[in-house]
All heavy atoms as atom14 arrays in JSON, in Angstrom:
{
  "sequence": "RNGKVHCKNKIIAKVSRTELADMFMRPAPEKFLKKLLASGEITQEQA",
  "atom14_mask": [
    [1, 1, 1, 1, 1, 1, 1, 1, 1, 1, 1, 0, 0, 0],
    [1, 1, 1, 1, 1, 1, 1, 1, 0, 0, 0, 0, 0, 0],
    [1, 1, 1, 1, 0, 0, 0, 0, 0, 0, 0, 0, 0, 0],
    [1, 1, 1, 1, 1, 1, 1, 1, 1, 0, 0, 0, 0, 0],
    [1, 1, 1, 1, 1, 1, 1, 0, 0, 0, 0, 0, 0, 0],
    [1, 1, 1, 1, 1, 1, 1, 1, 1, 1, 0, 0, 0, 0],
    [1, 1, 1, 1, 1, 1, 0, 0, 0, 0, 0, 0, 0, 0],
    [1, 1, 1, 1, 1, 1, 1, 1, 1, 0, 0, 0, 0, 0],
    [1, 1, 1, 1, 1, 1, 1, 1, 0, 0, 0, 0, 0, 0],
    [1, 1, 1, 1, 1, 1, 1, 1, 1, 0, 0, 0, 0, 0],
    [1, 1, 1, 1, 1, 1, 1, 1, 0, 0, 0, 0, 0, 0],
    [1, 1, 1, 1, 1, 1, 1, 1, 0, 0, 0, 0, 0, 0],
    [1, 1, 1, 1, 1, 0, 0, 0, 0, 0, 0, 0, 0, 0],
    [1, 1, 1, 1, 1, 1, 1, 1, 1, 0, 0, 0, 0, 0],
    [1, 1, 1, 1, 1, 1, 1, 0, 0, 0, 0, 0, 0, 0],
    [1, 1, 1, 1, 1, 1, 0, 0, 0, 0, 0, 0, 0, 0],
    [1, 1, 1, 1, 1, 1, 1, 1, 1, 1, 1, 0, 0, 0],
    [1, 1, 1, 1, 1, 1, 1, 0, 0, 0, 0, 0, 0, 0],
    [1, 1, 1, 1, 1, 1, 1, 1, 1, 0, 0, 0, 0, 0],
    [1, 1, 1, 1, 1, 1, 1, 1, 0, 0, 0, 0, 0, 0],
    [1, 1, 1, 1, 1, 0, 0, 0, 0, 0, 0, 0, 0, 0],
    [1, 1, 1, 1, 1, 1, 1, 1, 0, 0, 0, 0, 0, 0],
    [1, 1, 1, 1, 1, 1, 1, 1, 0, 0, 0, 0, 0, 0],
    [1, 1, 1, 1, 1, 1, 1, 1, 1, 1, 1, 0, 0, 0],
    [1, 1, 1, 1, 1, 1, 1, 1, 0, 0, 0, 0, 0, 0],
    [1, 1, 1, 1, 1, 1, 1, 1, 1, 1, 1, 0, 0, 0],
    [1, 1, 1, 1, 1, 1, 1, 0, 0, 0, 0, 0, 0, 0],
    [1, 1, 1, 1, 1, 0, 0, 0, 0, 0, 0, 0, 0, 0],
    [1, 1, 1, 1, 1, 1, 1, 0, 0, 0, 0, 0, 0, 0],
    [1, 1, 1, 1, 1, 1, 1, 1, 1, 0, 0, 0, 0, 0],
    [1, 1, 1, 1, 1, 1, 1, 1, 1, 0, 0, 0, 0, 0],
    [1, 1, 1, 1, 1, 1, 1, 1, 1, 1, 1, 0, 0, 0],
    [1, 1, 1, 1, 1, 1, 1, 1, 0, 0, 0, 0, 0, 0],
    [1, 1, 1, 1, 1, 1, 1, 1, 1, 0, 0, 0, 0, 0],
    [1, 1, 1, 1, 1, 1, 1, 1, 1, 0, 0, 0, 0, 0],
    [1, 1, 1, 1, 1, 1, 1, 1, 0, 0, 0, 0, 0, 0],
    [1, 1, 1, 1, 1, 1, 1, 1, 0, 0, 0, 0, 0, 0],
    [1, 1, 1, 1, 1, 0, 0, 0, 0, 0, 0, 0, 0, 0],
    [1, 1, 1, 1, 1, 1, 0, 0, 0, 0, 0, 0, 0, 0],
    [1, 1, 1, 1, 0, 0, 0, 0, 0, 0, 0, 0, 0, 0],
    [1, 1, 1, 1, 1, 1, 1, 1, 1, 0, 0, 0, 0, 0],
    [1, 1, 1, 1, 1, 1, 1, 1, 0, 0, 0, 0, 0, 0],
    [1, 1, 1, 1, 1, 1, 1, 0, 0, 0, 0, 0, 0, 0],
    [1, 1, 1, 1, 1, 1, 1, 1, 1, 0, 0, 0, 0, 0],
    [1, 1, 1, 1, 1, 1, 1, 1, 1, 0, 0, 0, 0, 0],
    [1, 1, 1, 1, 1, 1, 1, 1, 1, 0, 0, 0, 0, 0],
    [1, 1, 1, 1, 1, 0, 0, 0, 0, 0, 0, 0, 0, 0]
  ],
  "atom14_positions": [
    [[12.18, 137.53, 21.05], [11.19, 136.78, 20.43], [10.74, 137.51, 19.16], [10.33, 138.67, 19.21], [9.99, 136.55, 21.35], [10.15, 135.55, 22.51], [8.9, 135.35, 23.18], [8.94, 134.5, 24.38], [7.93, 134.21, 25.18], [6.73, 134.66, 24.95], [8.15, 133.52, 26.28], [0.0, 0.0, 0.0], [0.0, 0.0, 0.0], [0.0, 0.0, 0.0]],
    [[10.77, 136.87, 18.03], [10.38, 137.43, 16.8], [10.92, 138.8, 16.52], [10.29, 139.73, 16.11], [8.89, 137.5, 16.72], [8.23, 136.12, 16.92], [8.63, 135.13, 16.32], [7.09, 136.04, 17.64], [0.0, 0.0, 0.0], [0.0, 0.0, 0.0], [0.0, 0.0, 0.0], [0.0, 0.0, 0.0], [0.0, 0.0, 0.0], [0.0, 0.0, 0.0]],
    [[12.27, 138.9, 16.83], [12.97, 140.21, 16.66], [12.7, 141.29, 17.66], [13.09, 142.45, 17.43], [0.0, 0.0, 0.0], [0.0, 0.0, 0.0], [0.0, 0.0, 0.0], [0.0, 0.0, 0.0], [0.0, 0.0, 0.0], [0.0, 0.0, 0.0], [0.0, 0.0, 0.0], [0.0, 0.0, 0.0], [0.0, 0.0, 0.0], [0.0, 0.0, 0.0]],
    [[11.88, 141.01, 18.73], [11.52, 141.92, 19.71], [12.06, 141.47, 21.05], [12.03, 140.32, 21.44], [10.03, 142.25, 19.76], [9.55, 142.83, 18.46], [7.98, 143.07, 18.6], [7.36, 143.75, 17.32], [5.96, 143.95, 17.38], [0.0, 0.0, 0.0], [0.0, 0.0, 0.0], [0.0, 0.0, 0.0], [0.0, 0.0, 0.0], [0.0, 0.0, 0.0]],
    [[12.33, 142.43, 21.97], [12.65, 142.16, 23.36], [11.43, 141.72, 24.12], [10.49, 142.46, 24.09], [13.34, 143.29, 24.07], [13.76, 142.89, 25.42], [14.6, 143.73, 23.25], [0.0, 0.0, 0.0], [0.0, 0.0, 0.0], [0.0, 0.0, 0.0], [0.0, 0.0, 0.0], [0.0, 0.0, 0.0], [0.0, 0.0, 0.0], [0.0, 0.0, 0.0]],
    [[11.49, 140.54, 24.7], [10.32, 140.11, 25.53], [10.64, 140.19, 27.0], [11.68, 139.66, 27.38], [9.93, 138.6, 25.17], [8.93, 137.97, 26.1], [7.61, 138.35, 26.04], [9.0, 137.01, 27.01], [6.92, 137.68, 26.88], [7.76, 136.87, 27.5], [0.0, 0.0, 0.0], [0.0, 0.0, 0.0], [0.0, 0.0, 0.0], [0.0, 0.0, 0.0]],
    [[9.87, 140.9, 27.74], [10.0, 141.12, 29.18], [9.07, 140.11, 29.94], [7.85, 140.43, 30.15], [9.82, 142.54, 29.59], [10.77, 143.73, 28.66], [0.0, 0.0, 0.0], [0.0, 0.0, 0.0], [0.0, 0.0, 0.0], [0.0, 0.0, 0.0], [0.0, 0.0, 0.0], [0.0, 0.0, 0.0], [0.0, 0.0, 0.0], [0.0, 0.0, 0.0]],
    [[9.51, 139.0, 30.31], [8.71, 138.06, 30.95], [8.31, 138.61, 32.38], [7.2, 138.49, 32.84], [9.47, 136.7, 31.21], [8.71, 135.7, 32.0], [9.6, 134.41, 32.2], [8.84, 133.44, 33.13], [9.73, 132.22, 33.45], [0.0, 0.0, 0.0], [0.0, 0.0, 0.0], [0.0, 0.0, 0.0], [0.0, 0.0, 0.0], [0.0, 0.0, 0.0]],
    [[9.31, 139.23, 33.02], [9.07, 139.8, 34.38], [8.72, 141.18, 34.36], [9.58, 142.09, 34.02], [10.27, 139.53, 35.22], [10.59, 138.06, 35.48], [9.71, 137.22, 35.4], [11.84, 137.79, 35.69], [0.0, 0.0, 0.0], [0.0, 0.0, 0.0], [0.0, 0.0, 0.0], [0.0, 0.0, 0.0], [0.0, 0.0, 0.0], [0.0, 0.0, 0.0]],
    [[7.44, 141.49, 34.48], [6.98, 142.89, 34.34], [6.96, 143.6, 35.64], [6.62, 143.01, 36.76], [5.52, 142.88, 33.73], [5.52, 142.13, 32.4], [3.98, 141.83, 32.01], [4.0, 141.1, 30.76], [4.66, 139.72, 30.83], [0.0, 0.0, 0.0], [0.0, 0.0, 0.0], [0.0, 0.0, 0.0], [0.0, 0.0, 0.0], [0.0, 0.0, 0.0]],
    [[7.22, 144.95, 35.6], [7.27, 145.76, 36.78], [6.4, 146.87, 36.69], [6.35, 147.63, 35.71], [8.66, 146.16, 37.09], [9.56, 145.0, 37.53], [8.77, 147.25, 38.23], [11.05, 145.42, 37.85], [0.0, 0.0, 0.0], [0.0, 0.0, 0.0], [0.0, 0.0, 0.0], [0.0, 0.0, 0.0], [0.0, 0.0, 0.0], [0.0, 0.0, 0.0]],
    [[5.54, 147.19, 37.69], [4.8, 148.36, 37.95], [5.52, 149.12, 39.02], [5.5, 148.58, 40.18], [3.32, 148.11, 38.2], [2.64, 147.25, 37.19], [2.54, 149.42, 38.47], [1.26, 146.87, 37.53], [0.0, 0.0, 0.0], [0.0, 0.0, 0.0], [0.0, 0.0, 0.0], [0.0, 0.0, 0.0], [0.0, 0.0, 0.0], [0.0, 0.0, 0.0]],
    [[6.14, 150.22, 38.82], [6.88, 150.94, 39.83], [6.01, 152.05, 40.42], [5.53, 152.92, 39.81], [8.05, 151.55, 39.22], [0.0, 0.0, 0.0], [0.0, 0.0, 0.0], [0.0, 0.0, 0.0], [0.0, 0.0, 0.0], [0.0, 0.0, 0.0], [0.0, 0.0, 0.0], [0.0, 0.0, 0.0], [0.0, 0.0, 0.0], [0.0, 0.0, 0.0]],
    [[5.82, 151.92, 41.69], [5.03, 152.88, 42.46], [5.92, 153.97, 42.94], [6.83, 153.68, 43.84], [4.2, 152.18, 43.64], [3.2, 153.17, 44.3], [2.59, 152.4, 45.45], [1.65, 151.3, 45.09], [0.95, 150.73, 46.25], [0.0, 0.0, 0.0], [0.0, 0.0, 0.0], [0.0, 0.0, 0.0], [0.0, 0.0, 0.0], [0.0, 0.0, 0.0]],
    [[5.77, 155.22, 42.53], [6.6, 156.33, 42.89], [5.77, 157.5, 43.18], [4.64, 157.65, 42.79], [7.7, 156.63, 41.81], [8.52, 155.5, 41.51], [6.94, 157.07, 40.63], [0.0, 0.0, 0.0], [0.0, 0.0, 0.0], [0.0, 0.0, 0.0], [0.0, 0.0, 0.0], [0.0, 0.0, 0.0], [0.0, 0.0, 0.0], [0.0, 0.0, 0.0]],
    [[6.43, 158.54, 43.96], [5.7, 159.74, 44.2], [6.65, 160.91, 43.87], [6.24, 162.07, 44.26], [5.3, 159.82, 45.72], [6.39, 159.7, 46.5], [0.0, 0.0, 0.0], [0.0, 0.0, 0.0], [0.0, 0.0, 0.0], [0.0, 0.0, 0.0], [0.0, 0.0, 0.0], [0.0, 0.0, 0.0], [0.0, 0.0, 0.0], [0.0, 0.0, 0.0]],
    [[7.81, 160.7, 43.24], [8.76, 161.83, 42.94], [9.22, 161.65, 41.47], [9.43, 160.46, 41.09], [9.84, 161.85, 43.9], [9.44, 162.03, 45.39], [10.73, 161.91, 46.22], [11.47, 163.13, 46.02], [11.44, 164.22, 46.74], [10.53, 164.37, 47.67], [12.19, 165.29, 46.54], [0.0, 0.0, 0.0], [0.0, 0.0, 0.0], [0.0, 0.0, 0.0]],
    [[9.55, 162.69, 40.86], [9.93, 162.66, 39.48], [11.33, 161.95, 39.27], [11.48, 161.27, 38.41], [10.05, 164.06, 38.85], [10.89, 164.85, 39.67], [8.62, 164.71, 38.67], [0.0, 0.0, 0.0], [0.0, 0.0, 0.0], [0.0, 0.0, 0.0], [0.0, 0.0, 0.0], [0.0, 0.0, 0.0], [0.0, 0.0, 0.0], [0.0, 0.0, 0.0]],
    [[12.21, 162.11, 40.29], [13.54, 161.51, 40.18], [13.44, 160.01, 40.33], [14.25, 159.25, 39.73], [14.55, 162.11, 41.17], [14.13, 162.0, 42.67], [13.26, 163.08, 43.19], [12.58, 163.85, 42.37], [13.39, 163.37, 44.38], [0.0, 0.0, 0.0], [0.0, 0.0, 0.0], [0.0, 0.0, 0.0], [0.0, 0.0, 0.0], [0.0, 0.0, 0.0]],
    [[12.44, 159.56, 41.13], [12.22, 158.11, 41.22], [11.61, 157.53, 39.99], [11.97, 156.44, 39.61], [11.4, 157.83, 42.51], [11.91, 158.38, 43.77], [10.99, 158.01, 44.97], [13.32, 157.89, 44.07], [0.0, 0.0, 0.0], [0.0, 0.0, 0.0], [0.0, 0.0, 0.0], [0.0, 0.0, 0.0], [0.0, 0.0, 0.0], [0.0, 0.0, 0.0]],
    [[10.7, 158.27, 39.4], [10.1, 157.86, 38.1], [11.18, 157.74, 36.96], [11.15, 156.78, 36.31], [9.01, 158.77, 37.74], [0.0, 0.0, 0.0], [0.0, 0.0, 0.0], [0.0, 0.0, 0.0], [0.0, 0.0, 0.0], [0.0, 0.0, 0.0], [0.0, 0.0, 0.0], [0.0, 0.0, 0.0], [0.0, 0.0, 0.0], [0.0, 0.0, 0.0]],
    [[12.07, 158.7, 37.08], [13.14, 158.72, 36.02], [13.98, 157.49, 36.06], [14.29, 156.89, 35.02], [14.01, 159.96, 36.25], [15.1, 160.12, 35.23], [16.15, 159.4, 35.27], [14.86, 160.9, 34.3], [0.0, 0.0, 0.0], [0.0, 0.0, 0.0], [0.0, 0.0, 0.0], [0.0, 0.0, 0.0], [0.0, 0.0, 0.0], [0.0, 0.0, 0.0]],
    [[14.35, 156.94, 37.24], [15.2, 155.78, 37.22], [14.48, 154.53, 36.85], [15.21, 153.6, 36.32], [15.8, 155.59, 38.76], [14.75, 155.16, 39.73], [15.55, 155.12, 41.43], [14.28, 154.31, 42.34], [0.0, 0.0, 0.0], [0.0, 0.0, 0.0], [0.0, 0.0, 0.0], [0.0, 0.0, 0.0], [0.0, 0.0, 0.0], [0.0, 0.0, 0.0]],
    [[13.24, 154.44, 36.98], [12.51, 153.3, 36.51], [12.12, 153.35, 35.03], [11.79, 152.35, 34.4], [11.2, 153.1, 37.37], [11.35, 152.3, 38.58], [11.36, 152.89, 39.79], [11.57, 150.9, 38.51], [11.62, 152.22, 40.99], [11.74, 150.2, 39.72], [11.78, 150.88, 40.96], [0.0, 0.0, 0.0], [0.0, 0.0, 0.0], [0.0, 0.0, 0.0]],
    [[12.04, 154.55, 34.5], [11.87, 154.77, 33.07], [13.12, 154.56, 32.13], [12.91, 154.5, 30.91], [11.3, 156.17, 32.81], [9.89, 156.39, 33.4], [9.43, 158.15, 33.06], [7.77, 158.13, 33.75], [0.0, 0.0, 0.0], [0.0, 0.0, 0.0], [0.0, 0.0, 0.0], [0.0, 0.0, 0.0], [0.0, 0.0, 0.0], [0.0, 0.0, 0.0]],
    [[14.24, 154.35, 32.76], [15.38, 154.18, 32.05], [15.96, 152.73, 32.14], [15.45, 152.0, 33.0], [16.52, 155.12, 32.48], [16.2, 156.62, 32.26], [17.35, 157.55, 32.67], [16.94, 159.0, 32.48], [16.97, 159.49, 31.29], [17.55, 158.86, 30.17], [16.57, 160.8, 31.07], [0.0, 0.0, 0.0], [0.0, 0.0, 0.0], [0.0, 0.0, 0.0]],
    [[16.86, 152.34, 31.28], [17.36, 150.96, 31.41], [18.05, 150.65, 32.69], [18.51, 151.58, 33.37], [18.31, 150.82, 30.17], [17.77, 151.89, 29.25], [17.25, 153.07, 30.09], [0.0, 0.0, 0.0], [0.0, 0.0, 0.0], [0.0, 0.0, 0.0], [0.0, 0.0, 0.0], [0.0, 0.0, 0.0], [0.0, 0.0, 0.0], [0.0, 0.0, 0.0]],
    [[18.3, 149.47, 32.99], [19.03, 149.05, 34.19], [20.41, 149.63, 34.2], [21.11, 149.64, 33.13], [19.09, 147.59, 34.21], [0.0, 0.0, 0.0], [0.0, 0.0, 0.0], [0.0, 0.0, 0.0], [0.0, 0.0, 0.0], [0.0, 0.0, 0.0], [0.0, 0.0, 0.0], [0.0, 0.0, 0.0], [0.0, 0.0, 0.0], [0.0, 0.0, 0.0]],
    [[20.95, 150.11, 35.25], [22.28, 150.64, 35.34], [23.33, 149.63, 35.02], [23.26, 148.47, 35.47], [22.35, 151.11, 36.93], [20.98, 151.38, 37.27], [20.24, 150.25, 36.61], [0.0, 0.0, 0.0], [0.0, 0.0, 0.0], [0.0, 0.0, 0.0], [0.0, 0.0, 0.0], [0.0, 0.0, 0.0], [0.0, 0.0, 0.0], [0.0, 0.0, 0.0]],
    [[24.32, 150.13, 34.34], [25.43, 149.23, 33.96], [26.18, 148.45, 35.15], [26.58, 147.4, 35.06], [26.47, 150.06, 33.1], [27.64, 149.26, 32.52], [27.2, 148.31, 31.42], [26.18, 148.6, 30.82], [28.0, 147.3, 31.21], [0.0, 0.0, 0.0], [0.0, 0.0, 0.0], [0.0, 0.0, 0.0], [0.0, 0.0, 0.0], [0.0, 0.0, 0.0]],
    [[26.38, 149.26, 36.3], [27.02, 148.74, 37.4], [26.42, 147.45, 37.95], [27.01, 146.54, 38.34], [27.17, 149.8, 38.51], [25.83, 150.24, 39.07], [26.03, 151.21, 40.27], [24.74, 151.64, 40.85], [24.97, 152.66, 41.97], [0.0, 0.0, 0.0], [0.0, 0.0, 0.0], [0.0, 0.0, 0.0], [0.0, 0.0, 0.0], [0.0, 0.0, 0.0]],
    [[25.06, 147.43, 37.91], [24.38, 146.17, 38.44], [24.38, 145.09, 37.4], [24.59, 143.95, 37.72], [22.92, 146.55, 38.69], [22.64, 147.48, 39.85], [21.73, 148.46, 39.79], [23.39, 147.21, 41.06], [21.53, 149.31, 40.96], [23.19, 148.1, 42.16], [22.28, 149.06, 42.12], [0.0, 0.0, 0.0], [0.0, 0.0, 0.0], [0.0, 0.0, 0.0]],
    [[24.37, 145.47, 36.06], [24.45, 144.45, 35.11], [25.86, 143.71, 35.15], [25.94, 142.46, 34.94], [24.3, 144.98, 33.7], [22.89, 145.59, 33.45], [22.96, 146.27, 31.96], [21.8, 144.58, 33.55], [0.0, 0.0, 0.0], [0.0, 0.0, 0.0], [0.0, 0.0, 0.0], [0.0, 0.0, 0.0], [0.0, 0.0, 0.0], [0.0, 0.0, 0.0]],
    [[26.9, 144.45, 35.41], [28.25, 143.84, 35.48], [28.32, 142.88, 36.73], [28.91, 141.83, 36.59], [29.31, 144.93, 35.66], [29.55, 145.68, 34.37], [30.56, 146.83, 34.54], [30.92, 147.55, 33.31], [31.93, 148.65, 33.45], [0.0, 0.0, 0.0], [0.0, 0.0, 0.0], [0.0, 0.0, 0.0], [0.0, 0.0, 0.0], [0.0, 0.0, 0.0]],
    [[27.79, 143.26, 37.81], [27.7, 142.44, 39.0], [26.92, 141.12, 38.76], [27.37, 140.03, 39.13], [27.24, 143.22, 40.23], [28.16, 144.22, 40.64], [27.49, 144.99, 41.96], [28.5, 146.04, 42.53], [27.83, 146.83, 43.7], [0.0, 0.0, 0.0], [0.0, 0.0, 0.0], [0.0, 0.0, 0.0], [0.0, 0.0, 0.0], [0.0, 0.0, 0.0]],
    [[25.87, 141.29, 38.16], [24.9, 140.04, 37.96], [25.67, 139.07, 36.85], [25.39, 137.93, 37.03], [23.66, 140.61, 37.4], [22.73, 141.41, 38.49], [21.51, 141.96, 37.82], [22.28, 140.35, 39.59], [0.0, 0.0, 0.0], [0.0, 0.0, 0.0], [0.0, 0.0, 0.0], [0.0, 0.0, 0.0], [0.0, 0.0, 0.0], [0.0, 0.0, 0.0]],
    [[26.33, 139.71, 35.91], [27.05, 138.92, 35.04], [28.2, 138.08, 35.69], [28.27, 136.95, 35.43], [27.6, 139.72, 33.9], [26.77, 140.08, 32.68], [27.42, 141.01, 31.73], [26.52, 138.66, 31.88], [0.0, 0.0, 0.0], [0.0, 0.0, 0.0], [0.0, 0.0, 0.0], [0.0, 0.0, 0.0], [0.0, 0.0, 0.0], [0.0, 0.0, 0.0]],
    [[28.85, 138.84, 36.5], [29.98, 138.28, 37.31], [29.55, 137.05, 38.24], [30.21, 136.09, 38.33], [30.69, 139.28, 38.09], [0.0, 0.0, 0.0], [0.0, 0.0, 0.0], [0.0, 0.0, 0.0], [0.0, 0.0, 0.0], [0.0, 0.0, 0.0], [0.0, 0.0, 0.0], [0.0, 0.0, 0.0], [0.0, 0.0, 0.0], [0.0, 0.0, 0.0]],
    [[28.32, 137.22, 38.85], [27.83, 136.18, 39.68], [27.06, 135.11, 38.95], [26.62, 134.07, 39.48], [26.79, 136.87, 40.62], [25.68, 137.41, 40.01], [0.0, 0.0, 0.0], [0.0, 0.0, 0.0], [0.0, 0.0, 0.0], [0.0, 0.0, 0.0], [0.0, 0.0, 0.0], [0.0, 0.0, 0.0], [0.0, 0.0, 0.0], [0.0, 0.0, 0.0]],
    [[26.85, 135.27, 37.59], [26.16, 134.31, 36.82], [24.7, 134.29, 36.97], [24.04, 133.36, 36.6], [0.0, 0.0, 0.0], [0.0, 0.0, 0.0], [0.0, 0.0, 0.0], [0.0, 0.0, 0.0], [0.0, 0.0, 0.0], [0.0, 0.0, 0.0], [0.0, 0.0, 0.0], [0.0, 0.0, 0.0], [0.0, 0.0, 0.0], [0.0, 0.0, 0.0]],
    [[24.11, 135.37, 37.45], [22.72, 135.37, 37.7], [22.0, 135.86, 36.48], [20.7, 135.68, 36.46], [22.39, 136.34, 38.89], [22.87, 135.66, 40.22], [22.72, 136.57, 41.41], [23.52, 137.57, 41.43], [21.81, 136.37, 42.22], [0.0, 0.0, 0.0], [0.0, 0.0, 0.0], [0.0, 0.0, 0.0], [0.0, 0.0, 0.0], [0.0, 0.0, 0.0]],
    [[22.62, 136.43, 35.5], [22.03, 136.76, 34.24], [23.04, 136.43, 33.07], [24.18, 136.17, 33.4], [21.67, 138.24, 34.04], [22.91, 139.17, 34.16], [20.62, 138.69, 35.09], [22.72, 140.62, 33.77], [0.0, 0.0, 0.0], [0.0, 0.0, 0.0], [0.0, 0.0, 0.0], [0.0, 0.0, 0.0], [0.0, 0.0, 0.0], [0.0, 0.0, 0.0]],
    [[22.5, 136.31, 31.88], [23.39, 135.97, 30.75], [23.98, 137.17, 29.99], [23.36, 138.27, 30.19], [22.65, 135.06, 29.7], [21.57, 135.84, 29.15], [22.04, 133.82, 30.47], [0.0, 0.0, 0.0], [0.0, 0.0, 0.0], [0.0, 0.0, 0.0], [0.0, 0.0, 0.0], [0.0, 0.0, 0.0], [0.0, 0.0, 0.0], [0.0, 0.0, 0.0]],
    [[24.95, 136.97, 29.19], [25.43, 138.09, 28.38], [24.23, 138.62, 27.46], [24.13, 139.93, 27.29], [26.51, 137.57, 27.44], [27.84, 137.25, 28.09], [28.55, 138.65, 28.46], [28.2, 139.71, 28.07], [29.71, 138.46, 29.14], [0.0, 0.0, 0.0], [0.0, 0.0, 0.0], [0.0, 0.0, 0.0], [0.0, 0.0, 0.0], [0.0, 0.0, 0.0]],
    [[23.5, 137.75, 27.02], [22.36, 138.18, 26.1], [21.29, 139.0, 26.83], [20.84, 140.06, 26.38], [21.56, 136.91, 25.46], [20.36, 137.28, 24.67], [20.64, 138.0, 23.4], [21.77, 138.37, 23.05], [19.52, 138.16, 22.56], [0.0, 0.0, 0.0], [0.0, 0.0, 0.0], [0.0, 0.0, 0.0], [0.0, 0.0, 0.0], [0.0, 0.0, 0.0]],
    [[20.98, 138.61, 28.09], [20.15, 139.42, 28.91], [20.8, 140.75, 29.34], [20.0, 141.78, 29.35], [19.78, 138.6, 30.23], [18.85, 137.36, 29.92], [18.69, 136.54, 31.06], [19.53, 136.46, 31.97], [17.57, 135.81, 31.22], [0.0, 0.0, 0.0], [0.0, 0.0, 0.0], [0.0, 0.0, 0.0], [0.0, 0.0, 0.0], [0.0, 0.0, 0.0]],
    [[21.93, 140.83, 29.55], [22.61, 142.07, 29.87], [22.58, 142.94, 28.58], [22.39, 144.22, 28.7], [24.11, 141.86, 30.21], [0.0, 0.0, 0.0], [0.0, 0.0, 0.0], [0.0, 0.0, 0.0], [0.0, 0.0, 0.0], [0.0, 0.0, 0.0], [0.0, 0.0, 0.0], [0.0, 0.0, 0.0], [0.0, 0.0, 0.0], [0.0, 0.0, 0.0]]
  ]
}
C-alpha cells in the first residue's frame, strides 16, 4: 500500500528466550514460503 508493506495480520510473539525472540524478529523462513506457494495458500507477491 502506497509503496509500503502492509501487514493486515499482526502478531505479538510471547517468548522467554533470546533464540525464540530471534526467530520472530526475522522474516518468515524460505522453506515455509515454498510450501505455502505450492499449496496455493499464499501468492507470489505475498511470498
